[in-house]
Amino acid sequence: MKFKTRLLITSILIIVVPLLLTAVAFMGIGIFVANSEQEFGISGNNYTAFTYTLENYNKMTEEVLLQVQKQLSENLANMEDTEYLEQINGELSTKSSYIIVRKNGELYYTGNPEAAEKIFALLPVYGSDVSNSKRGYYYNDMKKLVKQLDFRFYDGDEGSFFIVTKVSSLVSQKMMIDMMLAFILILIFTSMILTQWMQKGVFIPIDQLNRAMQNIAEGNLEYRLSSDGKGEIGELYRNYEDMRLRLKESADEKLEHENQNRELISNISHDLKTPITAVKGYVEGIMDGVADTPEKMDKYIKTIYNKANDMDRLINELTLYSGIDNNRIPYNFHRINVAEYFGDCVEDVGLDLESKNIKLNYDDLVSPDTQIIADPEQLKRVIDNIIGNSVKYMDKKDGVIDIRILDEVDSIRVEIEDNGKGIAAKDLPNIFERFYRTDASRNSSQGGSGIGLSIVKKIIEDHGGYIWATSKEQEGTCMHFVIRKYQAPEQEEV
């Protein structure tokens, strides 16, 4: 749920819920009071008391009336005892009530002279029906409830004992207290519900998101947050998860890149030691006069030259790897004739293979006018790297390398096959990965940086082609790569 919607609902509920619950509470109190009034049966016209406290009041005043009646039956002189009357009036004063004692129609005693003066003339006469009723008599205009008890004084004069209660004051005070308590409880209930709702929908998710961001700041990229919620909170959770995955992917790539760089430096450093050591050895031999004949001198110089070429090749691989890593391999594409280009490559490679006693076979099975769009220099690097691998892992005296150019309708397929020791099936899917070696030992005589075939794959893919390998152990390996033919645009008929 969106924040705006949640806040709107909260605002409405803060107003509506208390009003509804207050109305329900008021109606409940009213129904209870109506039932109590009907049950108690107070006499008088237009009685409008609206509180359940009337029943308690009647019990209270009835207890005092019965107490006075008992005292009268035991000792009539009590009605002439001012101290006794003040004591009773004091008990009733806390209940918004006071007493009036009348003797022969005259005011004999009252606990509230000012109020008694207003109602005295309206009090029922001696012997009225109300004096025999527990209901009392209600003065609607004055909001007074009167209880009457008739008796005779010790000297035989007529006397009446009245308990006068300010009903409106009692009812309003009690009702205000009850409604205030009810309203406070309603507000507390509403506040608890809305607070819980807001806490569950807003504060708890924000706290979880804050904890997750702290984990990210501390480098813990494994702390996950998942949510099916909609609105801003759900969107925040999904954005966090996307950010976390991207950061994790970036961190993993950075770590892998650093590991690859370290491995490359280690490989290049190791592989440079061999030719450098050889160069130093042959130079020392020349300096010490070991090469004392023209033939030996020529041999030493050629060896030094070959080792220098090996070092140059390793440095070129390092430079090219840097270009691959930054996707900055320099390409210079041309339209080239397949037959002519590969014929020149075979002639160039053949001289080197002949010096190493490796036979080279070449078959060109495409049309003489077939053309492709390629970078001649980078494509030559592909051929050199593949043949270099074949020579490096050749384990037979009579080594053979076959180069075949095949027609694939819209493409050409180049196959370079050798009869070397082959590649195990478990290693075959990984040979184009960077730094992958089928021989994990760095002490192998073959050496190499481990990035040759990854460079080959990158160059072929950048030419819009693809490459794969097939091999059988102890029988040999065949590298296949495919490049699309150049299709000349059809000339429009004039």
Protein backbone atom coordinates (compact mmCIF):
# COMPACT_ATOMS: atom_id res chain seq x y z
CA MET A 1 0.00 0.00 0.00
CA LYS A 2 1.33 3.45 -0.89
CA PHE A 3 2.24 5.96 1.81
CA LYS A 4 -0.33 8.48 0.56
CA THR A 5 -3.11 5.89 0.73
CA ARG A 6 -1.97 4.71 4.15
CA LEU A 7 -1.89 8.27 5.53
CA LEU A 8 -5.31 9.04 4.04
CA ILE A 9 -6.82 5.93 5.63
CA THR A 10 -5.15 6.78 8.95
CA SER A 11 -6.56 10.32 8.88
CA ILE A 12 -10.07 9.04 8.13
CA LEU A 13 -9.91 6.34 10.80
CA ILE A 14 -8.69 8.81 13.44
CA ILE A 15 -11.90 10.80 12.87
CA VAL A 16 -14.45 8.12 11.99
CA VAL A 17 -13.59 5.33 14.43
CA PRO A 18 -13.80 7.43 17.64
CA LEU A 19 -17.05 8.99 16.45
CA LEU A 20 -18.62 5.64 15.64
CA LEU A 21 -17.48 4.00 18.86
CA THR A 22 -18.59 7.02 20.89
CA ALA A 23 -22.03 6.86 19.26
CA VAL A 24 -22.25 3.14 20.01
CA ALA A 25 -21.20 3.75 23.62
CA PHE A 26 -23.73 6.56 24.01
CA MET A 27 -26.52 4.42 22.57
CA GLY A 28 -25.56 1.56 24.88
CA ILE A 29 -25.64 3.82 27.93
CA GLY A 30 -28.96 5.26 26.80
CA ILE A 31 -30.55 1.84 26.34
CA PHE A 32 -29.29 0.76 29.77
CA VAL A 33 -30.64 3.93 31.41
CA ALA A 34 -34.01 3.58 29.67
CA ASN A 35 -34.34 0.05 30.98
CA SER A 36 -33.25 1.12 34.47
CA GLU A 37 -35.73 4.04 34.50
CA GLN A 38 -38.56 1.77 33.42
CA GLU A 39 -37.65 -0.75 36.07
CA PHE A 40 -37.34 1.84 38.87
CA GLY A 41 -40.53 3.69 37.95
CA ILE A 42 -39.87 7.23 39.20
CA SER A 43 -43.07 9.34 39.32
CA GLY A 44 -43.44 12.75 37.78
CA ASN A 45 -43.99 14.28 34.39
CA ASN A 46 -41.36 14.46 31.59
CA TYR A 47 -38.60 12.65 33.51
CA THR A 48 -35.57 12.88 31.21
CA ALA A 49 -32.73 11.49 33.32
CA PHE A 50 -30.27 9.74 31.02
CA THR A 51 -27.85 7.82 33.18
CA TYR A 52 -27.67 4.50 34.95
CA THR A 53 -26.64 6.27 38.28
CA LEU A 54 -30.29 6.94 39.18
CA GLU A 55 -30.71 3.41 40.48
CA ASN A 56 -27.69 3.84 42.74
CA TYR A 57 -29.09 7.19 43.93
CA ASN A 58 -32.44 5.68 44.87
CA LYS A 59 -30.77 2.93 46.84
CA MET A 60 -28.62 5.52 48.61
CA THR A 61 -31.50 7.85 49.58
CA GLU A 62 -33.72 4.91 50.44
CA GLU A 63 -31.12 3.67 52.92
CA VAL A 64 -31.03 7.09 54.62
CA LEU A 65 -34.86 7.27 54.67
CA LEU A 66 -35.14 3.85 56.27
CA GLN A 67 -32.50 4.82 58.82
CA VAL A 68 -34.50 7.95 59.78
CA GLN A 69 -37.73 5.96 59.94
CA LYS A 70 -36.09 3.49 62.31
CA GLN A 71 -34.83 6.33 64.53
CA LEU A 72 -38.34 7.84 64.64
CA SER A 73 -39.83 4.56 65.76
CA GLU A 74 -37.27 4.38 68.56
CA ASN A 75 -37.11 8.04 69.63
CA LEU A 76 -39.25 10.89 68.21
CA ALA A 77 -37.07 13.41 69.99
CA ASN A 78 -34.38 12.91 67.34
CA MET A 79 -36.34 15.13 64.92
CA GLU A 80 -35.93 17.95 67.41
CA ASP A 81 -32.23 17.27 67.86
CA THR A 82 -30.33 19.72 65.65
CA GLU A 83 -27.07 17.78 65.94
CA TYR A 84 -28.74 14.61 64.72
CA LEU A 85 -30.32 16.46 61.77
CA GLU A 86 -26.97 18.07 60.85
CA GLN A 87 -25.34 14.66 60.93
CA ILE A 88 -27.85 13.24 58.44
CA ASN A 89 -27.54 16.35 56.25
CA GLY A 90 -23.76 15.99 56.27
CA GLU A 91 -24.07 12.40 54.98
CA LEU A 92 -26.32 13.54 52.13
CA SER A 93 -24.34 16.65 51.20
CA THR A 94 -21.76 14.53 49.37
CA LYS A 95 -24.54 13.13 47.21
CA SER A 96 -25.93 16.49 45.96
CA SER A 97 -28.76 16.17 48.52
CA TYR A 98 -29.98 17.98 51.65
CA ILE A 99 -32.87 17.59 54.11
CA ILE A 100 -35.89 19.69 55.08
CA VAL A 101 -37.91 19.17 58.28
CA ARG A 102 -41.37 20.72 58.36
CA LYS A 103 -43.51 21.19 61.52
CA ASN A 104 -47.18 22.19 61.26
CA GLY A 105 -46.58 23.61 57.78
CA GLU A 106 -43.61 25.72 58.91
CA LEU A 107 -39.93 25.24 58.13
CA TYR A 108 -38.34 23.66 61.17
CA TYR A 109 -34.86 22.73 59.83
CA THR A 110 -33.03 22.64 56.50
CA GLY A 111 -29.49 21.87 55.45
CA ASN A 112 -29.62 24.35 52.54
CA PRO A 113 -31.73 27.45 53.39
CA GLU A 114 -31.40 29.14 49.99
CA ALA A 115 -32.52 26.09 48.03
CA ALA A 116 -35.19 25.20 50.59
CA GLU A 117 -36.76 28.62 50.26
CA LYS A 118 -37.43 28.03 46.56
CA ILE A 119 -38.99 24.57 46.87
CA PHE A 120 -40.62 24.71 50.35
CA ALA A 121 -43.95 26.05 49.15
CA LEU A 122 -44.15 23.31 46.52
CA LEU A 123 -43.54 20.35 48.86
CA PRO A 124 -46.39 17.83 49.21
CA VAL A 125 -48.70 18.37 52.16
CA TYR A 126 -48.74 16.11 55.20
CA GLY A 127 -50.31 12.76 54.43
CA SER A 128 -49.79 12.91 50.62
CA ASP A 129 -49.63 9.65 48.61
CA VAL A 130 -45.99 10.28 47.80
CA SER A 131 -45.10 9.86 51.47
CA ASN A 132 -46.14 6.22 51.19
CA SER A 133 -44.20 5.63 47.95
CA LYS A 134 -40.57 4.68 47.48
CA ARG A 135 -40.60 6.37 44.08
CA GLY A 136 -40.43 9.90 45.37
CA TYR A 137 -41.66 12.98 43.54
CA TYR A 138 -39.80 14.69 40.65
CA TYR A 139 -40.04 18.45 39.96
CA ASN A 140 -39.21 18.66 36.26
CA ASP A 141 -38.75 22.43 36.10
CA MET A 142 -36.45 22.53 39.12
CA LYS A 143 -34.69 19.19 38.41
CA LYS A 144 -35.33 18.11 42.00
CA LEU A 145 -36.21 14.66 43.29
CA VAL A 146 -38.03 14.66 46.69
CA LYS A 147 -38.44 11.78 49.13
CA GLN A 148 -41.00 12.35 51.95
CA LEU A 149 -41.47 10.70 55.32
CA ASP A 150 -44.41 11.89 57.54
CA PHE A 151 -44.33 11.59 61.36
CA ARG A 152 -45.52 13.38 64.49
CA PHE A 153 -43.32 15.30 66.84
CA TYR A 154 -43.05 14.35 70.48
CA ASP A 155 -45.64 17.03 71.34
CA GLY A 156 -48.09 15.64 68.71
CA ASP A 157 -47.58 18.24 65.98
CA GLU A 158 -47.58 17.12 62.32
CA GLY A 159 -44.12 16.76 60.87
CA SER A 160 -42.60 15.81 57.52
CA PHE A 161 -39.02 14.77 56.73
CA PHE A 162 -37.86 15.52 53.15
CA ILE A 163 -34.72 14.45 51.23
CA VAL A 164 -34.20 16.82 48.29
CA THR A 165 -31.73 15.82 45.55
CA LYS A 166 -30.50 17.96 42.72
CA VAL A 167 -31.04 15.31 40.09
CA SER A 168 -29.70 17.25 37.09
CA SER A 169 -26.37 17.89 38.81
CA LEU A 170 -25.93 14.29 39.83
CA VAL A 171 -26.86 12.94 36.43
CA SER A 172 -24.65 15.38 34.46
CA GLN A 173 -21.61 14.81 36.60
CA LYS A 174 -21.82 11.03 36.48
CA MET A 175 -22.66 10.98 32.82
CA MET A 176 -19.72 13.25 31.98
CA ILE A 177 -17.35 10.98 33.90
CA ASP A 178 -18.68 7.86 32.18
CA MET A 179 -18.59 9.41 28.71
CA MET A 180 -15.11 10.80 29.33
CA LEU A 181 -13.87 7.38 30.39
CA ALA A 182 -15.56 5.78 27.40
CA PHE A 183 -14.06 8.35 25.02
CA ILE A 184 -10.56 7.92 26.51
CA LEU A 185 -10.83 4.15 26.13
CA ILE A 186 -12.00 4.60 22.53
CA LEU A 187 -9.07 6.90 21.75
CA ILE A 188 -6.62 4.48 23.35
CA PHE A 189 -8.10 1.57 21.39
CA THR A 190 -8.03 3.52 18.11
CA SER A 191 -4.49 4.71 18.77
CA MET A 192 -3.29 1.17 19.52
CA ILE A 193 -4.86 -0.23 16.35
CA LEU A 194 -3.50 2.55 14.10
CA THR A 195 -0.08 2.47 15.76
CA GLN A 196 0.15 -1.28 15.27
CA TRP A 197 -0.96 -0.92 11.65
CA MET A 198 1.55 1.85 10.93
CA GLN A 199 4.31 0.01 12.77
CA LYS A 200 3.70 -3.20 10.83
CA GLY A 201 3.30 -1.44 7.50
CA VAL A 202 5.93 1.32 7.76
CA PHE A 203 8.23 1.37 10.76
CA ILE A 204 9.18 -2.33 10.88
CA PRO A 205 9.95 -2.49 7.10
CA ILE A 206 12.00 0.74 7.32
CA ASP A 207 13.90 -0.66 10.30
CA GLN A 208 14.61 -3.85 8.33
CA LEU A 209 15.76 -1.79 5.36
CA ASN A 210 18.01 0.29 7.62
CA ARG A 211 19.54 -2.90 9.04
CA ALA A 212 20.08 -4.21 5.52
CA MET A 213 21.81 -0.98 4.44
CA GLN A 214 24.09 -1.23 7.48
CA ASN A 215 25.06 -4.74 6.36
CA ILE A 216 25.81 -3.39 2.88
CA ALA A 217 27.94 -0.61 4.41
CA GLU A 218 29.86 -3.24 6.39
CA GLY A 219 30.51 -5.22 3.23
CA ASN A 220 28.01 -8.03 3.84
CA LEU A 221 26.41 -8.47 0.40
CA GLU A 222 24.62 -11.69 1.39
CA TYR A 223 21.94 -9.96 3.52
CA ARG A 224 18.73 -10.45 1.58
CA LEU A 225 15.37 -8.69 1.75
CA SER A 226 12.33 -10.14 0.03
CA SER A 227 8.82 -8.71 -0.10
CA ASP A 228 5.68 -9.33 -2.11
CA GLY A 229 4.22 -6.02 -0.96
CA LYS A 230 3.10 -3.29 -3.30
CA GLY A 231 3.61 0.44 -3.00
CA GLU A 232 6.69 2.31 -1.85
CA ILE A 233 7.85 -0.25 0.74
CA GLY A 234 7.71 -3.15 -1.73
CA GLU A 235 9.46 -1.02 -4.34
CA LEU A 236 12.17 -0.06 -1.84
CA TYR A 237 12.72 -3.74 -1.00
CA ARG A 238 12.97 -4.69 -4.68
CA ASN A 239 15.33 -1.78 -5.41
CA TYR A 240 17.50 -2.81 -2.47
CA GLU A 241 17.65 -6.40 -3.71
CA ASP A 242 18.55 -5.24 -7.24
CA MET A 243 21.26 -2.99 -5.81
CA ARG A 244 22.58 -5.80 -3.60
CA LEU A 245 22.75 -8.25 -6.51
CA ARG A 246 24.51 -5.72 -8.72
CA LEU A 247 27.00 -4.84 -6.01
CA LYS A 248 27.61 -8.52 -5.34
CA GLU A 249 28.06 -9.21 -9.02
CA SER A 250 30.43 -6.25 -9.33
CA ALA A 251 32.38 -7.34 -6.25
CA ASP A 252 32.60 -10.92 -7.55
CA GLU A 253 33.75 -9.69 -10.95
CA LYS A 254 36.32 -7.41 -9.33
CA LEU A 255 37.62 -10.25 -7.17
CA GLU A 256 37.76 -12.58 -10.15
CA HIS A 257 39.50 -9.92 -12.21
CA GLU A 258 42.08 -9.36 -9.48
CA ASN A 259 42.66 -13.10 -9.19
CA GLN A 260 43.06 -13.37 -12.95
CA ASN A 261 45.50 -10.47 -13.02
CA ARG A 262 47.54 -12.03 -10.25
CA GLU A 263 47.51 -15.35 -12.04
CA LEU A 264 48.47 -13.71 -15.34
CA ILE A 265 51.36 -11.87 -13.76
CA SER A 266 52.46 -15.07 -12.06
CA ASN A 267 52.21 -17.01 -15.33
CA ILE A 268 54.01 -14.39 -17.42
CA SER A 269 56.69 -13.98 -14.76
CA HIS A 270 57.24 -17.73 -14.63
CA ASP A 271 57.30 -18.07 -18.40
CA LEU A 272 59.70 -15.15 -18.85
CA LYS A 273 62.22 -16.76 -16.54
CA THR A 274 62.88 -19.64 -18.95
CA PRO A 275 63.90 -17.60 -22.04
CA ILE A 276 65.70 -15.02 -19.91
CA THR A 277 67.70 -17.76 -18.22
CA ALA A 278 68.51 -19.30 -21.61
CA VAL A 279 69.53 -15.93 -23.05
CA LYS A 280 71.78 -15.25 -20.07
CA GLY A 281 73.34 -18.71 -20.40
CA TYR A 282 74.11 -18.38 -24.10
CA VAL A 283 75.42 -14.83 -23.70
CA GLU A 284 77.73 -16.00 -20.92
CA GLY A 285 78.84 -18.82 -23.21
CA ILE A 286 79.75 -16.31 -25.90
CA MET A 287 81.50 -14.07 -23.37
CA ASP A 288 83.47 -17.01 -21.94
CA GLY A 289 84.53 -18.12 -25.40
CA VAL A 290 82.52 -21.36 -25.36
CA ALA A 291 81.22 -20.53 -28.86
CA ASP A 292 84.69 -20.80 -30.34
CA THR A 293 83.65 -21.76 -33.85
CA PRO A 294 81.49 -19.91 -36.38
CA GLU A 295 78.96 -22.76 -36.29
CA LYS A 296 78.57 -22.57 -32.50
CA MET A 297 78.42 -18.80 -32.57
CA ASP A 298 75.66 -18.93 -35.19
CA LYS A 299 73.75 -21.51 -33.15
CA TYR A 300 74.04 -19.42 -29.96
CA ILE A 301 72.88 -16.25 -31.70
CA LYS A 302 69.88 -18.02 -33.30
CA THR A 303 68.92 -19.47 -29.93
CA ILE A 304 69.15 -16.04 -28.30
CA TYR A 305 67.03 -14.61 -31.11
CA ASN A 306 64.37 -17.34 -30.70
CA LYS A 307 64.22 -16.81 -26.93
CA ALA A 308 63.87 -13.07 -27.46
CA ASN A 309 60.94 -13.81 -29.80
CA ASP A 310 59.38 -15.97 -27.09
CA MET A 311 59.64 -13.08 -24.63
CA ASP A 312 58.20 -10.71 -27.22
CA ARG A 313 55.28 -13.08 -27.77
CA LEU A 314 54.54 -13.24 -24.03
CA ILE A 315 54.61 -9.44 -23.76
CA ASN A 316 52.30 -9.17 -26.78
CA GLU A 317 49.88 -11.60 -25.11
CA LEU A 318 49.90 -9.48 -21.98
CA THR A 319 49.17 -6.35 -24.02
CA LEU A 320 46.43 -8.11 -25.95
CA TYR A 321 44.90 -9.46 -22.75
CA SER A 322 44.72 -5.93 -21.41
CA GLY A 323 42.91 -4.90 -24.59
CA ILE A 324 40.46 -7.80 -24.27
CA ASP A 325 39.77 -6.98 -20.64
CA ASN A 326 38.94 -3.39 -21.54
CA ASN A 327 37.17 -4.42 -24.75
CA ARG A 328 39.68 -2.34 -26.74
CA ILE A 329 41.19 -4.79 -29.19
CA PRO A 330 42.17 -2.69 -32.22
CA TYR A 331 40.46 -4.07 -35.34
CA ASN A 332 41.06 -3.07 -38.92
CA PHE A 333 38.52 -5.00 -40.99
CA HIS A 334 39.05 -5.61 -44.69
CA ARG A 335 37.43 -7.64 -47.39
CA ILE A 336 39.93 -10.44 -48.01
CA ASN A 337 40.06 -13.40 -50.41
CA VAL A 338 39.97 -16.68 -48.47
CA ALA A 339 42.17 -18.71 -50.82
CA GLU A 340 44.89 -16.10 -51.10
CA TYR A 341 44.89 -15.19 -47.40
CA PHE A 342 45.06 -18.74 -46.01
CA GLY A 343 47.53 -19.74 -48.74
CA ASP A 344 49.92 -17.05 -47.47
CA CYS A 345 49.33 -18.09 -43.83
CA VAL A 346 50.10 -21.74 -44.60
CA GLU A 347 53.25 -20.78 -46.44
CA ASP A 348 54.39 -18.62 -43.50
CA VAL A 349 53.55 -21.24 -40.85
CA GLY A 350 54.93 -24.10 -42.90
CA LEU A 351 58.51 -22.86 -42.72
CA ASP A 352 58.44 -22.79 -38.92
CA LEU A 353 56.76 -26.22 -38.66
CA GLU A 354 59.28 -27.72 -41.08
CA SER A 355 62.11 -26.63 -38.78
CA LYS A 356 60.39 -28.52 -35.97
CA ASN A 357 59.89 -31.70 -38.04
CA ILE A 358 56.10 -31.29 -38.14
CA LYS A 359 54.33 -32.05 -41.41
CA LEU A 360 51.70 -29.53 -42.58
CA ASN A 361 48.81 -30.54 -44.86
CA TYR A 362 46.53 -27.91 -46.40
CA ASP A 363 43.20 -28.38 -48.22
CA ASP A 364 41.20 -25.47 -49.63
CA LEU A 365 37.70 -26.66 -50.59
CA VAL A 366 36.02 -23.28 -51.17
CA SER A 367 35.52 -21.36 -54.36
CA PRO A 368 38.56 -19.28 -55.40
CA ASP A 369 36.54 -16.04 -55.34
CA THR A 370 35.13 -16.57 -51.79
CA GLN A 371 35.63 -13.53 -49.59
CA ILE A 372 35.19 -12.68 -45.90
CA ILE A 373 35.29 -9.46 -43.86
CA ALA A 374 38.09 -9.81 -41.31
CA ASP A 375 41.08 -8.18 -39.68
CA PRO A 376 44.05 -9.95 -41.31
CA GLU A 377 46.40 -9.34 -38.40
CA GLN A 378 43.99 -10.58 -35.71
CA LEU A 379 42.89 -13.56 -37.80
CA LYS A 380 46.57 -14.47 -38.25
CA ARG A 381 46.91 -14.32 -34.47
CA VAL A 382 44.07 -16.88 -34.22
CA ILE A 383 45.87 -19.28 -36.57
CA ASP A 384 49.22 -18.76 -34.85
CA ASN A 385 47.77 -19.37 -31.37
CA ILE A 386 45.96 -22.55 -32.42
CA ILE A 387 49.00 -23.95 -34.24
CA GLY A 388 51.24 -22.83 -31.36
CA ASN A 389 49.09 -24.88 -28.97
CA SER A 390 49.29 -27.87 -31.30
CA VAL A 391 53.09 -27.61 -31.43
CA LYS A 392 53.33 -27.06 -27.68
CA TYR A 393 51.42 -30.24 -26.82
CA MET A 394 52.75 -32.41 -29.66
CA ASP A 395 54.01 -35.66 -28.10
CA LYS A 396 54.90 -37.61 -31.26
CA LYS A 397 58.05 -37.61 -33.33
CA ASP A 398 56.12 -37.59 -36.60
CA GLY A 399 53.86 -34.68 -35.89
CA VAL A 400 51.16 -33.77 -38.40
CA ILE A 401 48.96 -30.66 -38.58
CA ASP A 402 46.10 -30.46 -41.09
CA ILE A 403 44.48 -27.20 -42.15
CA ARG A 404 41.18 -27.46 -44.03
CA ILE A 405 38.99 -24.68 -45.43
CA LEU A 406 35.41 -25.96 -45.92
CA ASP A 407 32.41 -24.36 -47.61
CA GLU A 408 29.32 -23.94 -45.35
CA VAL A 409 27.02 -22.21 -47.90
CA ASP A 410 26.81 -18.81 -46.17
CA SER A 411 30.01 -19.31 -44.18
CA ILE A 412 33.40 -20.89 -44.28
CA ARG A 413 34.64 -23.34 -41.67
CA VAL A 414 38.31 -23.60 -40.82
CA GLU A 415 39.59 -26.80 -39.24
CA ILE A 416 43.08 -27.06 -37.71
CA GLU A 417 43.76 -30.62 -36.60
CA ASP A 418 46.84 -32.23 -35.02
CA ASN A 419 47.87 -35.71 -33.95
CA GLY A 420 49.08 -34.63 -30.50
CA LYS A 421 48.20 -36.05 -27.11
CA GLY A 422 44.62 -34.74 -27.22
CA ILE A 423 42.41 -33.23 -24.50
CA ALA A 424 40.43 -35.14 -21.88
CA ALA A 425 36.63 -34.96 -22.21
CA LYS A 426 36.29 -33.31 -18.77
CA ASP A 427 38.65 -30.48 -19.83
CA LEU A 428 37.25 -29.88 -23.32
CA PRO A 429 34.36 -27.52 -22.31
CA ASN A 430 36.79 -25.28 -20.37
CA ILE A 431 39.73 -24.82 -22.71
CA PHE A 432 38.51 -21.41 -23.95
CA GLU A 433 38.31 -19.98 -20.42
CA ARG A 434 41.00 -17.58 -19.27
CA PHE A 435 43.98 -19.17 -17.52
CA TYR A 436 42.54 -22.67 -17.81
CA ARG A 437 45.19 -25.32 -18.26
CA THR A 438 44.73 -29.02 -18.81
CA ASP A 439 48.12 -29.39 -17.15
CA ALA A 440 47.81 -27.55 -13.83
CA SER A 441 51.52 -27.84 -13.03
CA ARG A 442 53.49 -24.65 -13.54
CA ASN A 443 56.59 -26.77 -13.91
CA SER A 444 55.41 -28.17 -17.21
CA SER A 445 57.84 -27.74 -20.02
CA GLN A 446 55.20 -26.18 -22.25
CA GLY A 447 54.67 -23.04 -20.11
CA GLY A 448 52.37 -20.38 -21.56
CA SER A 449 50.22 -17.68 -20.04
CA GLY A 450 46.99 -19.67 -20.24
CA ILE A 451 45.09 -16.99 -22.19
CA GLY A 452 45.88 -18.03 -25.78
CA LEU A 453 42.60 -19.82 -26.54
CA SER A 454 40.53 -17.20 -24.68
CA ILE A 455 42.07 -14.59 -27.02
CA VAL A 456 41.22 -16.81 -30.01
CA LYS A 457 37.58 -17.11 -28.90
CA LYS A 458 37.28 -13.35 -28.33
CA ILE A 459 38.65 -12.50 -31.79
CA ILE A 460 36.42 -15.03 -33.58
CA GLU A 461 33.31 -13.81 -31.75
CA ASP A 462 34.20 -10.21 -32.55
CA HIS A 463 34.25 -11.31 -36.22
CA GLY A 464 30.67 -12.56 -35.81
CA GLY A 465 31.72 -16.21 -35.80
CA TYR A 466 32.02 -19.01 -33.27
CA ILE A 467 34.58 -21.64 -32.32
CA TRP A 468 34.62 -25.09 -30.73
CA ALA A 469 36.95 -28.07 -30.34
CA THR A 470 36.81 -31.84 -30.68
CA SER A 471 39.45 -34.16 -29.33
CA LYS A 472 40.39 -37.70 -28.41
CA GLU A 473 43.13 -38.48 -25.96
CA GLN A 474 46.32 -39.84 -27.55
CA GLU A 475 44.82 -39.27 -31.02
CA GLY A 476 44.76 -35.50 -31.38
CA THR A 477 42.66 -32.33 -31.30
CA CYS A 478 40.72 -30.42 -33.94
CA MET A 479 39.79 -26.75 -33.62
CA HIS A 480 36.81 -25.54 -35.68
CA PHE A 481 35.80 -21.94 -36.26
CA VAL A 482 33.23 -20.45 -38.60
CA ILE A 483 33.18 -17.01 -40.24
CA ARG A 484 30.40 -15.71 -42.46
CA LYS A 485 31.11 -15.09 -46.12
CA TYR A 486 31.03 -11.63 -47.63
CA GLN A 487 27.82 -11.20 -49.63
CA ALA A 488 28.12 -8.56 -52.32
CA PRO A 489 25.01 -6.36 -52.62
CA GLU A 490 22.95 -7.21 -55.69
CA GLN A 491 23.17 -4.59 -58.42
CA GLU A 492 19.86 -3.05 -59.42
CA GLU A 493 18.80 -3.64 -62.95
CA VAL A 494 19.10 -0.55 -65.11
